[in-house]
Amino acid sequence: MREAGDMDLLRIWQEVDIKDVQEHLLMADDLFGFCPGCKTPGLKLQDLHKCPTCSREFKYVTSKDARGGKSAEVVMRFKKKLPHLTFVDYDDYERLSSKNKAADLFKNM
């Protein structure tokens, strides 16, 4: 059996509740994270489980840096820093979030 650090990455699609992802998402770049709940920037990523400001529990992480051809490299860096979080494709997240915002907007008309 291979060790965790020697494993390969494979994108697997599964149905998720986008609201659960939105409520437990950490936005991150190479060095720091950002809590979308309370808008706290500059969160140190190493072993980050919840926002120190609002106590939002993080289950998922995404990054604009993971777009295009370098996505596997970016995902691997986050898996090393935050192995307990599930990486969410940024483009998929933005597409679904925007779709739901638009649907909510028209629902109130």
N, C-alpha and C. Protein backbone atom coordinates (compact mmCIF):
# COMPACT_ATOMS: atom_id res chain seq x y z
N MET A 1 0.85 -1.18 0.00
CA MET A 1 0.00 0.00 0.00
C MET A 1 0.89 1.25 0.00
N ARG A 2 0.51 2.23 -0.77
CA ARG A 2 1.28 3.46 -0.88
C ARG A 2 0.96 4.39 0.28
N GLU A 3 1.94 5.18 0.64
CA GLU A 3 1.74 6.15 1.72
C GLU A 3 1.02 7.38 1.20
N ALA A 4 0.39 8.13 2.10
CA ALA A 4 -0.43 9.28 1.72
C ALA A 4 0.33 10.27 0.85
N GLY A 5 1.58 10.54 1.13
CA GLY A 5 2.36 11.50 0.36
C GLY A 5 2.69 11.02 -1.04
N ASP A 6 2.56 9.71 -1.27
CA ASP A 6 2.88 9.13 -2.58
C ASP A 6 1.65 8.91 -3.44
N MET A 7 0.51 9.33 -2.98
CA MET A 7 -0.73 9.08 -3.70
C MET A 7 -0.88 10.04 -4.87
N ASP A 8 -1.69 9.65 -5.83
CA ASP A 8 -1.98 10.47 -7.00
C ASP A 8 -3.28 11.24 -6.76
N LEU A 9 -3.45 12.32 -7.52
CA LEU A 9 -4.69 13.09 -7.46
C LEU A 9 -5.61 12.67 -8.58
N LEU A 10 -6.88 12.55 -8.26
CA LEU A 10 -7.90 12.20 -9.24
C LEU A 10 -9.15 13.00 -8.90
N ARG A 11 -9.65 13.76 -9.85
CA ARG A 11 -10.87 14.51 -9.61
C ARG A 11 -12.05 13.56 -9.61
N ILE A 12 -12.85 13.66 -8.56
CA ILE A 12 -14.04 12.83 -8.44
C ILE A 12 -15.22 13.76 -8.20
N TRP A 13 -16.23 13.62 -9.00
CA TRP A 13 -17.39 14.48 -8.84
C TRP A 13 -18.41 13.77 -7.97
N GLN A 14 -18.97 14.53 -7.05
CA GLN A 14 -20.05 14.00 -6.22
C GLN A 14 -21.02 15.13 -5.93
N GLU A 15 -22.25 14.74 -5.65
CA GLU A 15 -23.26 15.74 -5.31
C GLU A 15 -22.98 16.27 -3.92
N VAL A 16 -23.06 17.59 -3.78
CA VAL A 16 -22.86 18.22 -2.48
C VAL A 16 -23.91 19.31 -2.30
N ASP A 17 -24.11 19.66 -1.06
CA ASP A 17 -24.99 20.77 -0.72
C ASP A 17 -24.14 22.04 -0.80
N ILE A 18 -24.37 22.87 -1.79
CA ILE A 18 -23.55 24.07 -2.00
C ILE A 18 -23.62 24.99 -0.78
N LYS A 19 -24.73 25.00 -0.09
CA LYS A 19 -24.84 25.85 1.11
C LYS A 19 -23.89 25.36 2.21
N ASP A 20 -23.73 24.05 2.34
CA ASP A 20 -22.78 23.50 3.31
C ASP A 20 -21.35 23.91 2.94
N VAL A 21 -21.05 23.85 1.66
CA VAL A 21 -19.72 24.28 1.20
C VAL A 21 -19.52 25.76 1.48
N GLN A 22 -20.51 26.58 1.15
CA GLN A 22 -20.40 28.02 1.38
C GLN A 22 -20.20 28.35 2.86
N GLU A 23 -20.85 27.60 3.74
CA GLU A 23 -20.78 27.87 5.18
C GLU A 23 -19.50 27.36 5.84
N HIS A 24 -18.75 26.52 5.13
CA HIS A 24 -17.55 25.90 5.72
C HIS A 24 -16.32 26.05 4.83
N LEU A 25 -16.33 27.03 3.95
CA LEU A 25 -15.25 27.20 2.98
C LEU A 25 -14.18 28.16 3.47
N LEU A 26 -12.95 27.82 3.20
CA LEU A 26 -11.80 28.69 3.42
C LEU A 26 -11.25 29.07 2.05
N MET A 27 -11.14 30.36 1.79
CA MET A 27 -10.51 30.83 0.56
C MET A 27 -9.03 31.01 0.88
N ALA A 28 -8.15 30.58 0.00
CA ALA A 28 -6.73 30.64 0.33
C ALA A 28 -5.88 30.97 -0.89
N ASP A 29 -4.71 31.52 -0.59
CA ASP A 29 -3.67 31.66 -1.61
C ASP A 29 -2.46 30.90 -1.08
N ASP A 30 -1.31 31.13 -1.65
CA ASP A 30 -0.12 30.36 -1.27
C ASP A 30 0.22 30.45 0.22
N LEU A 31 0.06 31.61 0.80
CA LEU A 31 0.54 31.82 2.16
C LEU A 31 -0.55 31.97 3.22
N PHE A 32 -1.67 32.56 2.84
CA PHE A 32 -2.68 32.91 3.83
C PHE A 32 -4.08 32.52 3.38
N GLY A 33 -4.99 32.46 4.36
CA GLY A 33 -6.38 32.17 4.09
C GLY A 33 -7.24 33.39 4.37
N PHE A 34 -8.48 33.31 3.89
CA PHE A 34 -9.47 34.37 4.05
C PHE A 34 -10.78 33.70 4.44
N CYS A 35 -11.38 34.18 5.52
CA CYS A 35 -12.67 33.64 5.95
C CYS A 35 -13.78 34.41 5.26
N PRO A 36 -14.56 33.77 4.37
CA PRO A 36 -15.67 34.46 3.72
C PRO A 36 -16.80 34.83 4.68
N GLY A 37 -16.88 34.17 5.83
CA GLY A 37 -17.94 34.44 6.79
C GLY A 37 -17.82 35.81 7.43
N CYS A 38 -16.63 36.12 7.96
CA CYS A 38 -16.45 37.39 8.66
C CYS A 38 -15.46 38.31 7.93
N LYS A 39 -14.98 37.85 6.79
CA LYS A 39 -14.06 38.63 5.93
C LYS A 39 -12.68 38.84 6.56
N THR A 40 -12.26 37.96 7.48
CA THR A 40 -10.95 38.08 8.09
C THR A 40 -9.87 37.61 7.12
N PRO A 41 -8.93 38.48 6.77
CA PRO A 41 -7.83 38.09 5.88
C PRO A 41 -6.60 37.65 6.68
N GLY A 42 -5.61 37.13 6.00
CA GLY A 42 -4.31 36.85 6.60
C GLY A 42 -4.26 35.70 7.58
N LEU A 43 -5.14 34.71 7.42
CA LEU A 43 -5.14 33.56 8.33
C LEU A 43 -3.99 32.62 7.98
N LYS A 44 -3.20 32.24 8.98
CA LYS A 44 -2.12 31.28 8.77
C LYS A 44 -2.74 29.92 8.47
N LEU A 45 -2.28 29.28 7.40
CA LEU A 45 -2.93 28.06 6.92
C LEU A 45 -2.61 26.80 7.70
N GLN A 46 -1.41 26.67 8.20
CA GLN A 46 -0.98 25.42 8.82
C GLN A 46 -1.95 24.97 9.91
N ASP A 47 -2.54 23.79 9.71
CA ASP A 47 -3.46 23.18 10.69
C ASP A 47 -4.64 24.06 11.07
N LEU A 48 -5.12 24.87 10.15
CA LEU A 48 -6.25 25.75 10.42
C LEU A 48 -7.55 24.95 10.35
N HIS A 49 -8.28 24.93 11.45
CA HIS A 49 -9.54 24.18 11.53
C HIS A 49 -10.76 25.09 11.61
N LYS A 50 -10.58 26.28 12.19
CA LYS A 50 -11.70 27.21 12.28
C LYS A 50 -11.15 28.64 12.29
N CYS A 51 -12.02 29.57 11.96
CA CYS A 51 -11.64 30.98 11.93
C CYS A 51 -11.42 31.47 13.36
N PRO A 52 -10.28 32.11 13.64
CA PRO A 52 -10.04 32.61 14.99
C PRO A 52 -10.94 33.79 15.36
N THR A 53 -11.56 34.42 14.37
CA THR A 53 -12.41 35.58 14.63
C THR A 53 -13.87 35.19 14.86
N CYS A 54 -14.44 34.39 13.95
CA CYS A 54 -15.87 34.07 14.04
C CYS A 54 -16.15 32.60 14.38
N SER A 55 -15.12 31.80 14.52
CA SER A 55 -15.22 30.37 14.86
C SER A 55 -15.87 29.52 13.77
N ARG A 56 -15.94 30.03 12.57
CA ARG A 56 -16.47 29.25 11.44
C ARG A 56 -15.62 28.00 11.28
N GLU A 57 -16.24 26.84 11.24
CA GLU A 57 -15.52 25.59 11.05
C GLU A 57 -15.22 25.42 9.56
N PHE A 58 -13.97 25.12 9.24
CA PHE A 58 -13.57 24.90 7.85
C PHE A 58 -13.57 23.41 7.54
N LYS A 59 -14.29 23.04 6.47
CA LYS A 59 -14.30 21.67 5.96
C LYS A 59 -13.73 21.62 4.55
N TYR A 60 -13.76 22.78 3.86
CA TYR A 60 -13.37 22.86 2.47
C TYR A 60 -12.40 24.01 2.27
N VAL A 61 -11.57 23.89 1.25
CA VAL A 61 -10.65 24.98 0.88
C VAL A 61 -10.67 25.10 -0.63
N THR A 62 -10.55 26.34 -1.12
CA THR A 62 -10.43 26.59 -2.55
C THR A 62 -9.46 27.73 -2.76
N SER A 63 -9.00 27.84 -4.00
CA SER A 63 -8.04 28.88 -4.33
C SER A 63 -8.14 29.26 -5.79
N LYS A 64 -8.08 30.57 -6.04
CA LYS A 64 -8.03 31.05 -7.43
C LYS A 64 -6.75 30.60 -8.11
N ASP A 65 -5.72 30.32 -7.33
CA ASP A 65 -4.43 29.89 -7.87
C ASP A 65 -4.50 28.53 -8.56
N ALA A 66 -5.54 27.76 -8.30
CA ALA A 66 -5.65 26.40 -8.84
C ALA A 66 -6.33 26.36 -10.20
N ARG A 67 -6.35 27.46 -10.88
CA ARG A 67 -6.97 27.49 -12.21
C ARG A 67 -5.93 27.10 -13.26
N GLY A 68 -6.41 26.48 -14.32
CA GLY A 68 -5.54 26.17 -15.45
C GLY A 68 -4.62 24.98 -15.21
N GLY A 69 -3.49 24.98 -15.88
CA GLY A 69 -2.58 23.84 -15.90
C GLY A 69 -1.85 23.57 -14.60
N LYS A 70 -1.81 24.52 -13.68
CA LYS A 70 -1.06 24.31 -12.44
C LYS A 70 -1.95 23.85 -11.28
N SER A 71 -3.16 23.42 -11.56
CA SER A 71 -4.08 23.08 -10.48
C SER A 71 -3.59 21.91 -9.62
N ALA A 72 -3.03 20.86 -10.21
CA ALA A 72 -2.57 19.71 -9.43
C ALA A 72 -1.48 20.12 -8.45
N GLU A 73 -0.58 20.95 -8.89
CA GLU A 73 0.51 21.43 -8.03
C GLU A 73 -0.03 22.24 -6.85
N VAL A 74 -1.01 23.10 -7.11
CA VAL A 74 -1.61 23.92 -6.06
C VAL A 74 -2.38 23.04 -5.07
N VAL A 75 -3.14 22.09 -5.58
CA VAL A 75 -3.91 21.19 -4.72
C VAL A 75 -2.97 20.41 -3.80
N MET A 76 -1.87 19.93 -4.32
CA MET A 76 -0.91 19.17 -3.51
C MET A 76 -0.34 20.03 -2.38
N ARG A 77 -0.05 21.29 -2.67
CA ARG A 77 0.45 22.18 -1.61
C ARG A 77 -0.58 22.34 -0.50
N PHE A 78 -1.85 22.50 -0.87
CA PHE A 78 -2.90 22.65 0.13
C PHE A 78 -3.13 21.35 0.89
N LYS A 79 -3.02 20.21 0.23
CA LYS A 79 -3.19 18.92 0.91
C LYS A 79 -2.11 18.73 1.96
N LYS A 80 -0.92 19.26 1.73
CA LYS A 80 0.15 19.16 2.73
C LYS A 80 -0.10 20.10 3.90
N LYS A 81 -0.58 21.30 3.63
CA LYS A 81 -0.81 22.28 4.68
C LYS A 81 -2.11 22.01 5.44
N LEU A 82 -3.13 21.54 4.72
CA LEU A 82 -4.47 21.37 5.29
C LEU A 82 -5.04 20.00 4.91
N PRO A 83 -4.42 18.92 5.38
CA PRO A 83 -4.85 17.58 4.94
C PRO A 83 -6.27 17.21 5.37
N HIS A 84 -6.80 17.89 6.36
CA HIS A 84 -8.14 17.59 6.86
C HIS A 84 -9.25 18.25 6.04
N LEU A 85 -8.89 19.16 5.12
CA LEU A 85 -9.89 19.86 4.31
C LEU A 85 -10.02 19.23 2.93
N THR A 86 -11.21 19.30 2.38
CA THR A 86 -11.47 18.82 1.02
C THR A 86 -11.27 19.99 0.07
N PHE A 87 -10.47 19.78 -0.96
CA PHE A 87 -10.23 20.85 -1.93
C PHE A 87 -11.41 20.93 -2.90
N VAL A 88 -11.91 22.15 -3.10
CA VAL A 88 -13.03 22.41 -3.99
C VAL A 88 -12.50 23.19 -5.20
N ASP A 89 -12.86 22.75 -6.38
CA ASP A 89 -12.46 23.45 -7.59
C ASP A 89 -13.07 24.86 -7.59
N TYR A 90 -12.22 25.87 -7.72
CA TYR A 90 -12.67 27.26 -7.62
C TYR A 90 -13.70 27.60 -8.70
N ASP A 91 -13.43 27.20 -9.94
CA ASP A 91 -14.36 27.53 -11.03
C ASP A 91 -15.72 26.88 -10.83
N ASP A 92 -15.74 25.63 -10.38
CA ASP A 92 -17.02 24.95 -10.10
C ASP A 92 -17.76 25.67 -8.99
N TYR A 93 -17.04 26.03 -7.93
CA TYR A 93 -17.66 26.72 -6.79
C TYR A 93 -18.26 28.06 -7.23
N GLU A 94 -17.50 28.84 -7.97
CA GLU A 94 -17.99 30.15 -8.42
C GLU A 94 -19.20 30.01 -9.34
N ARG A 95 -19.16 29.02 -10.23
CA ARG A 95 -20.27 28.81 -11.16
C ARG A 95 -21.55 28.47 -10.40
N LEU A 96 -21.46 27.53 -9.45
CA LEU A 96 -22.65 27.14 -8.69
C LEU A 96 -23.13 28.25 -7.76
N SER A 97 -22.20 28.95 -7.13
CA SER A 97 -22.59 30.05 -6.24
C SER A 97 -23.30 31.14 -7.01
N SER A 98 -22.78 31.49 -8.17
CA SER A 98 -23.41 32.53 -9.00
C SER A 98 -24.78 32.10 -9.49
N LYS A 99 -24.89 30.83 -9.88
CA LYS A 99 -26.18 30.29 -10.34
C LYS A 99 -27.22 30.38 -9.21
N ASN A 100 -26.83 30.01 -8.00
CA ASN A 100 -27.76 30.06 -6.87
C ASN A 100 -28.12 31.49 -6.48
N LYS A 101 -27.16 32.40 -6.55
CA LYS A 101 -27.45 33.81 -6.25
C LYS A 101 -28.46 34.37 -7.25
N ALA A 102 -28.29 34.02 -8.52
CA ALA A 102 -29.21 34.50 -9.55
C ALA A 102 -30.61 33.92 -9.32
N ALA A 103 -30.67 32.64 -8.99
CA ALA A 103 -31.97 32.00 -8.73
C ALA A 103 -32.66 32.64 -7.53
N ASP A 104 -31.90 32.94 -6.48
CA ASP A 104 -32.47 33.60 -5.29
C ASP A 104 -32.96 35.00 -5.63
N LEU A 105 -32.25 35.68 -6.48
CA LEU A 105 -32.62 37.04 -6.88
C LEU A 105 -33.97 37.05 -7.59
N PHE A 106 -34.15 36.09 -8.52
CA PHE A 106 -35.40 36.05 -9.27
C PHE A 106 -36.55 35.45 -8.46
N LYS A 107 -36.22 34.66 -7.44
CA LYS A 107 -37.25 34.07 -6.59
C LYS A 107 -38.00 35.15 -5.79
N ASN A 108 -37.32 36.24 -5.46
CA ASN A 108 -37.90 37.30 -4.66
C ASN A 108 -38.67 38.33 -5.49
N MET A 109 -38.77 38.12 -6.76
CA MET A 109 -39.49 39.10 -7.63
C MET A 109 -40.94 38.75 -7.74
